[in-house]
Amino acid sequence: MALNRRRGWTLRCAAIPFGKLFNRTAASSSGTGCTSKLFVGLSYDTNETALKDAFSQHGAVISVKVVCHPTTGKSKGFGFVTFSSQDEAAAAAHKMNGEVLDGRNIRVHHSNTG
């Protein structure tokens, strides 16, 4: 803690690397394809069924989630696709990145959420 003359005592935080803060290893936070979960930027009109159908062509999809606004229920324009293996996820990311789905080019990245 440090004394701030205007506002009294304030708590100063040490700079902690994000990966260390959540006990993540360097391999899992590097984003180099060590996870089977993909982050997908997509059209606001894409639903989970369409997303699963598109990615199922490239491997065994375990789960699909399109992130929606809690009040309106409308898509926020991104989602996640989880594959049964890292190899399938990497192949799908390579093949699907830039493809058109529901009128928009999608962007696919390996997710760092584990």
N, C-alpha and C. Protein backbone atom coordinates (compact mmCIF):
# COMPACT_ATOMS: atom_id res chain seq x y z
N MET A 1 0.84 -1.19 0.00
CA MET A 1 0.00 0.00 0.00
C MET A 1 0.88 1.24 0.00
N ALA A 2 0.36 2.28 -0.57
CA ALA A 2 1.09 3.54 -0.63
C ALA A 2 0.17 4.67 -0.22
N LEU A 3 0.74 5.68 0.34
CA LEU A 3 -0.03 6.83 0.78
C LEU A 3 -0.20 7.80 -0.38
N ASN A 4 -1.42 8.09 -0.71
CA ASN A 4 -1.74 9.08 -1.72
C ASN A 4 -2.25 10.30 -0.96
N ARG A 5 -1.62 11.45 -1.09
CA ARG A 5 -1.96 12.62 -0.28
C ARG A 5 -3.39 13.11 -0.50
N ARG A 6 -3.92 12.95 -1.67
CA ARG A 6 -5.29 13.42 -1.93
C ARG A 6 -6.36 12.45 -1.45
N ARG A 7 -6.14 11.17 -1.64
CA ARG A 7 -7.21 10.21 -1.39
C ARG A 7 -6.90 9.22 -0.28
N GLY A 8 -5.84 9.40 0.46
CA GLY A 8 -5.51 8.47 1.53
C GLY A 8 -4.72 7.29 1.00
N TRP A 9 -4.93 6.13 1.58
CA TRP A 9 -4.18 4.93 1.22
C TRP A 9 -4.74 4.31 -0.05
N THR A 10 -3.86 3.89 -0.94
CA THR A 10 -4.28 3.20 -2.15
C THR A 10 -3.49 1.90 -2.27
N LEU A 11 -4.07 0.96 -2.90
CA LEU A 11 -3.42 -0.33 -3.11
C LEU A 11 -2.75 -0.32 -4.46
N ARG A 12 -1.47 -0.61 -4.49
CA ARG A 12 -0.74 -0.69 -5.76
C ARG A 12 -0.51 -2.15 -6.09
N CYS A 13 -0.83 -2.50 -7.31
CA CYS A 13 -0.70 -3.89 -7.75
C CYS A 13 0.61 -4.06 -8.51
N ALA A 14 1.23 -5.18 -8.29
CA ALA A 14 2.43 -5.51 -9.05
C ALA A 14 2.02 -5.98 -10.44
N ALA A 15 2.87 -5.74 -11.40
CA ALA A 15 2.60 -6.20 -12.77
C ALA A 15 2.83 -7.71 -12.83
N ILE A 16 1.76 -8.45 -13.06
CA ILE A 16 1.83 -9.90 -13.14
C ILE A 16 1.47 -10.30 -14.56
N PRO A 17 2.32 -11.08 -15.23
CA PRO A 17 1.96 -11.54 -16.58
C PRO A 17 0.63 -12.29 -16.56
N PHE A 18 -0.19 -12.06 -17.58
CA PHE A 18 -1.51 -12.65 -17.64
C PHE A 18 -1.49 -14.16 -17.48
N GLY A 19 -0.58 -14.84 -18.15
CA GLY A 19 -0.50 -16.30 -18.07
C GLY A 19 -0.20 -16.78 -16.67
N LYS A 20 0.63 -16.07 -15.94
CA LYS A 20 0.96 -16.46 -14.57
C LYS A 20 -0.21 -16.21 -13.63
N LEU A 21 -1.00 -15.19 -13.92
CA LEU A 21 -2.13 -14.86 -13.08
C LEU A 21 -3.13 -16.00 -13.01
N PHE A 22 -3.30 -16.72 -14.10
CA PHE A 22 -4.26 -17.81 -14.15
C PHE A 22 -3.60 -19.18 -14.19
N ASN A 23 -2.33 -19.25 -13.83
CA ASN A 23 -1.57 -20.51 -13.77
C ASN A 23 -1.62 -21.28 -15.07
N ARG A 24 -1.52 -20.59 -16.17
CA ARG A 24 -1.51 -21.24 -17.48
C ARG A 24 -0.07 -21.44 -17.90
N THR A 25 0.20 -22.56 -18.51
CA THR A 25 1.55 -22.84 -18.97
C THR A 25 1.82 -22.06 -20.25
N ALA A 26 3.08 -21.91 -20.56
CA ALA A 26 3.45 -21.19 -21.78
C ALA A 26 2.89 -21.88 -23.01
N ALA A 27 2.83 -23.20 -23.01
CA ALA A 27 2.32 -23.94 -24.17
C ALA A 27 0.85 -23.67 -24.38
N SER A 28 0.06 -23.59 -23.31
CA SER A 28 -1.38 -23.42 -23.49
C SER A 28 -1.75 -21.99 -23.80
N SER A 29 -0.89 -21.03 -23.50
CA SER A 29 -1.24 -19.64 -23.76
C SER A 29 -0.55 -19.08 -25.00
N SER A 30 0.19 -19.90 -25.69
CA SER A 30 0.94 -19.40 -26.84
C SER A 30 0.08 -19.20 -28.07
N GLY A 31 -1.06 -19.91 -28.16
CA GLY A 31 -1.94 -19.77 -29.31
C GLY A 31 -1.39 -20.43 -30.56
N THR A 32 -0.53 -21.42 -30.41
CA THR A 32 0.10 -22.04 -31.57
C THR A 32 -0.59 -23.33 -31.98
N GLY A 33 -1.84 -23.54 -31.59
CA GLY A 33 -2.54 -24.72 -32.04
C GLY A 33 -2.50 -25.85 -31.05
N CYS A 34 -2.24 -25.57 -29.78
CA CYS A 34 -2.17 -26.63 -28.79
C CYS A 34 -3.52 -26.86 -28.13
N THR A 35 -4.57 -26.36 -28.71
CA THR A 35 -5.90 -26.58 -28.18
C THR A 35 -6.81 -27.05 -29.31
N SER A 36 -7.87 -27.71 -28.95
CA SER A 36 -8.81 -28.16 -29.97
C SER A 36 -10.00 -27.22 -30.10
N LYS A 37 -9.96 -26.08 -29.42
CA LYS A 37 -11.04 -25.10 -29.49
C LYS A 37 -10.63 -23.97 -30.43
N LEU A 38 -11.54 -23.61 -31.33
CA LEU A 38 -11.30 -22.54 -32.29
C LEU A 38 -12.20 -21.35 -32.00
N PHE A 39 -11.66 -20.16 -32.13
CA PHE A 39 -12.42 -18.93 -32.07
C PHE A 39 -12.80 -18.58 -33.50
N VAL A 40 -14.08 -18.29 -33.74
CA VAL A 40 -14.55 -18.04 -35.10
C VAL A 40 -15.29 -16.70 -35.15
N GLY A 41 -14.77 -15.77 -35.94
CA GLY A 41 -15.48 -14.53 -36.23
C GLY A 41 -16.42 -14.81 -37.38
N LEU A 42 -17.71 -14.49 -37.19
CA LEU A 42 -18.70 -14.90 -38.17
C LEU A 42 -19.78 -13.86 -38.36
N SER A 43 -20.70 -14.15 -39.24
CA SER A 43 -21.82 -13.27 -39.53
C SER A 43 -22.75 -13.20 -38.33
N TYR A 44 -23.41 -12.07 -38.17
CA TYR A 44 -24.39 -11.92 -37.09
C TYR A 44 -25.61 -12.80 -37.31
N ASP A 45 -25.77 -13.31 -38.54
CA ASP A 45 -26.91 -14.16 -38.87
C ASP A 45 -26.63 -15.64 -38.67
N THR A 46 -25.39 -16.02 -38.39
CA THR A 46 -25.03 -17.44 -38.26
C THR A 46 -25.49 -17.99 -36.92
N ASN A 47 -26.15 -19.14 -36.95
CA ASN A 47 -26.57 -19.80 -35.71
C ASN A 47 -25.69 -21.02 -35.46
N GLU A 48 -25.90 -21.67 -34.33
CA GLU A 48 -25.05 -22.81 -33.95
C GLU A 48 -25.18 -23.99 -34.90
N THR A 49 -26.35 -24.21 -35.43
CA THR A 49 -26.56 -25.32 -36.36
C THR A 49 -25.75 -25.12 -37.64
N ALA A 50 -25.81 -23.92 -38.20
CA ALA A 50 -25.06 -23.63 -39.43
C ALA A 50 -23.56 -23.71 -39.18
N LEU A 51 -23.12 -23.23 -38.02
CA LEU A 51 -21.70 -23.26 -37.68
C LEU A 51 -21.21 -24.70 -37.54
N LYS A 52 -22.00 -25.53 -36.87
CA LYS A 52 -21.63 -26.94 -36.70
C LYS A 52 -21.61 -27.66 -38.05
N ASP A 53 -22.60 -27.42 -38.88
CA ASP A 53 -22.64 -28.06 -40.19
C ASP A 53 -21.42 -27.70 -41.03
N ALA A 54 -21.00 -26.45 -40.98
CA ALA A 54 -19.86 -26.01 -41.77
C ALA A 54 -18.56 -26.65 -41.29
N PHE A 55 -18.36 -26.73 -39.99
CA PHE A 55 -17.10 -27.25 -39.45
C PHE A 55 -17.07 -28.77 -39.34
N SER A 56 -18.22 -29.42 -39.32
CA SER A 56 -18.27 -30.88 -39.22
C SER A 56 -17.66 -31.57 -40.43
N GLN A 57 -17.55 -30.88 -41.53
CA GLN A 57 -16.94 -31.43 -42.74
C GLN A 57 -15.45 -31.71 -42.55
N HIS A 58 -14.85 -31.09 -41.53
CA HIS A 58 -13.40 -31.15 -41.35
C HIS A 58 -12.96 -31.92 -40.10
N GLY A 59 -13.90 -32.58 -39.42
CA GLY A 59 -13.54 -33.36 -38.25
C GLY A 59 -14.72 -33.53 -37.31
N ALA A 60 -14.46 -34.24 -36.21
CA ALA A 60 -15.50 -34.52 -35.22
C ALA A 60 -15.67 -33.32 -34.28
N VAL A 61 -16.79 -32.63 -34.42
CA VAL A 61 -17.08 -31.46 -33.60
C VAL A 61 -17.71 -31.92 -32.30
N ILE A 62 -17.12 -31.50 -31.18
CA ILE A 62 -17.64 -31.85 -29.86
C ILE A 62 -18.70 -30.86 -29.41
N SER A 63 -18.41 -29.56 -29.59
CA SER A 63 -19.38 -28.55 -29.19
C SER A 63 -19.24 -27.30 -30.04
N VAL A 64 -20.33 -26.55 -30.12
CA VAL A 64 -20.38 -25.29 -30.86
C VAL A 64 -21.11 -24.29 -29.99
N LYS A 65 -20.59 -23.06 -29.94
CA LYS A 65 -21.24 -22.01 -29.16
C LYS A 65 -21.14 -20.70 -29.93
N VAL A 66 -22.29 -20.11 -30.28
CA VAL A 66 -22.33 -18.77 -30.84
C VAL A 66 -22.65 -17.85 -29.67
N VAL A 67 -21.81 -16.86 -29.44
CA VAL A 67 -21.99 -15.97 -28.30
C VAL A 67 -23.04 -14.93 -28.65
N CYS A 68 -24.05 -14.82 -27.78
CA CYS A 68 -25.18 -13.91 -28.01
C CYS A 68 -25.30 -12.90 -26.88
N HIS A 69 -25.91 -11.77 -27.20
CA HIS A 69 -26.17 -10.73 -26.21
C HIS A 69 -27.19 -11.26 -25.20
N PRO A 70 -26.97 -11.07 -23.91
CA PRO A 70 -27.87 -11.67 -22.91
C PRO A 70 -29.30 -11.12 -22.93
N THR A 71 -29.48 -9.88 -23.33
CA THR A 71 -30.81 -9.30 -23.32
C THR A 71 -31.55 -9.52 -24.63
N THR A 72 -30.89 -9.22 -25.74
CA THR A 72 -31.56 -9.31 -27.04
C THR A 72 -31.52 -10.70 -27.64
N GLY A 73 -30.53 -11.50 -27.25
CA GLY A 73 -30.39 -12.84 -27.81
C GLY A 73 -29.77 -12.85 -29.19
N LYS A 74 -29.36 -11.69 -29.71
CA LYS A 74 -28.74 -11.61 -31.02
C LYS A 74 -27.27 -11.96 -30.94
N SER A 75 -26.76 -12.55 -32.00
CA SER A 75 -25.35 -12.94 -32.06
C SER A 75 -24.45 -11.72 -31.93
N LYS A 76 -23.32 -11.91 -31.26
CA LYS A 76 -22.32 -10.86 -31.15
C LYS A 76 -21.30 -10.94 -32.28
N GLY A 77 -21.46 -11.91 -33.18
CA GLY A 77 -20.59 -12.01 -34.34
C GLY A 77 -19.36 -12.88 -34.14
N PHE A 78 -19.39 -13.71 -33.10
CA PHE A 78 -18.30 -14.66 -32.91
C PHE A 78 -18.79 -15.86 -32.14
N GLY A 79 -17.99 -16.92 -32.19
CA GLY A 79 -18.34 -18.14 -31.49
C GLY A 79 -17.14 -19.04 -31.35
N PHE A 80 -17.38 -20.24 -30.82
CA PHE A 80 -16.32 -21.21 -30.58
C PHE A 80 -16.74 -22.57 -31.11
N VAL A 81 -15.78 -23.30 -31.67
CA VAL A 81 -16.00 -24.66 -32.15
C VAL A 81 -14.93 -25.52 -31.52
N THR A 82 -15.34 -26.61 -30.84
CA THR A 82 -14.39 -27.51 -30.19
C THR A 82 -14.37 -28.84 -30.93
N PHE A 83 -13.17 -29.27 -31.29
CA PHE A 83 -12.98 -30.54 -31.99
C PHE A 83 -12.48 -31.61 -31.03
N SER A 84 -12.57 -32.86 -31.47
CA SER A 84 -12.13 -33.97 -30.62
C SER A 84 -10.62 -34.09 -30.57
N SER A 85 -9.91 -33.47 -31.51
CA SER A 85 -8.44 -33.54 -31.48
C SER A 85 -7.84 -32.23 -31.97
N GLN A 86 -6.60 -32.01 -31.59
CA GLN A 86 -5.88 -30.81 -32.01
C GLN A 86 -5.61 -30.82 -33.51
N ASP A 87 -5.34 -31.99 -34.05
CA ASP A 87 -5.06 -32.09 -35.49
C ASP A 87 -6.28 -31.71 -36.32
N GLU A 88 -7.46 -32.18 -35.91
CA GLU A 88 -8.69 -31.83 -36.63
C GLU A 88 -8.96 -30.34 -36.53
N ALA A 89 -8.73 -29.76 -35.36
CA ALA A 89 -8.94 -28.32 -35.17
C ALA A 89 -8.00 -27.52 -36.06
N ALA A 90 -6.74 -27.93 -36.12
CA ALA A 90 -5.76 -27.22 -36.95
C ALA A 90 -6.13 -27.32 -38.43
N ALA A 91 -6.55 -28.49 -38.87
CA ALA A 91 -6.95 -28.67 -40.27
C ALA A 91 -8.18 -27.83 -40.60
N ALA A 92 -9.15 -27.83 -39.71
CA ALA A 92 -10.37 -27.04 -39.93
C ALA A 92 -10.06 -25.55 -39.94
N ALA A 93 -9.19 -25.10 -39.06
CA ALA A 93 -8.82 -23.68 -39.01
C ALA A 93 -8.17 -23.28 -40.33
N HIS A 94 -7.30 -24.12 -40.84
CA HIS A 94 -6.60 -23.83 -42.09
C HIS A 94 -7.58 -23.79 -43.27
N LYS A 95 -8.49 -24.76 -43.32
CA LYS A 95 -9.41 -24.86 -44.45
C LYS A 95 -10.55 -23.85 -44.40
N MET A 96 -11.03 -23.52 -43.20
CA MET A 96 -12.21 -22.67 -43.08
C MET A 96 -11.90 -21.17 -43.00
N ASN A 97 -10.68 -20.81 -42.65
CA ASN A 97 -10.34 -19.39 -42.54
C ASN A 97 -10.51 -18.69 -43.88
N GLY A 98 -11.35 -17.67 -43.91
CA GLY A 98 -11.62 -16.93 -45.14
C GLY A 98 -12.78 -17.45 -45.95
N GLU A 99 -13.32 -18.61 -45.61
CA GLU A 99 -14.50 -19.14 -46.32
C GLU A 99 -15.72 -18.27 -46.03
N VAL A 100 -16.68 -18.31 -46.92
CA VAL A 100 -17.91 -17.53 -46.76
C VAL A 100 -18.97 -18.39 -46.08
N LEU A 101 -19.55 -17.85 -45.01
CA LEU A 101 -20.64 -18.50 -44.29
C LEU A 101 -21.68 -17.45 -43.98
N ASP A 102 -22.90 -17.65 -44.44
CA ASP A 102 -24.00 -16.70 -44.27
C ASP A 102 -23.64 -15.31 -44.77
N GLY A 103 -22.97 -15.25 -45.92
CA GLY A 103 -22.69 -13.98 -46.57
C GLY A 103 -21.49 -13.22 -46.05
N ARG A 104 -20.68 -13.82 -45.18
CA ARG A 104 -19.52 -13.11 -44.64
C ARG A 104 -18.31 -14.05 -44.58
N ASN A 105 -17.14 -13.51 -44.90
CA ASN A 105 -15.91 -14.28 -44.73
C ASN A 105 -15.67 -14.48 -43.25
N ILE A 106 -15.46 -15.72 -42.85
CA ILE A 106 -15.22 -15.99 -41.44
C ILE A 106 -13.72 -15.99 -41.17
N ARG A 107 -13.36 -15.68 -39.95
CA ARG A 107 -11.97 -15.70 -39.49
C ARG A 107 -11.85 -16.73 -38.39
N VAL A 108 -10.86 -17.58 -38.49
CA VAL A 108 -10.70 -18.68 -37.54
C VAL A 108 -9.33 -18.57 -36.89
N HIS A 109 -9.31 -18.66 -35.56
CA HIS A 109 -8.07 -18.63 -34.77
C HIS A 109 -8.17 -19.68 -33.68
N HIS A 110 -7.01 -20.18 -33.26
CA HIS A 110 -7.01 -21.09 -32.11
C HIS A 110 -7.35 -20.28 -30.87
N SER A 111 -8.26 -20.81 -30.08
CA SER A 111 -8.68 -20.11 -28.86
C SER A 111 -7.67 -20.34 -27.76
N ASN A 112 -7.47 -19.34 -26.93
CA ASN A 112 -6.58 -19.46 -25.77
C ASN A 112 -7.35 -19.75 -24.49
N THR A 113 -8.63 -20.10 -24.62
CA THR A 113 -9.43 -20.34 -23.43
C THR A 113 -9.33 -21.76 -22.93
N GLY A 114 -8.61 -22.60 -23.63
CA GLY A 114 -8.39 -23.98 -23.16
C GLY A 114 -9.34 -24.93 -23.61
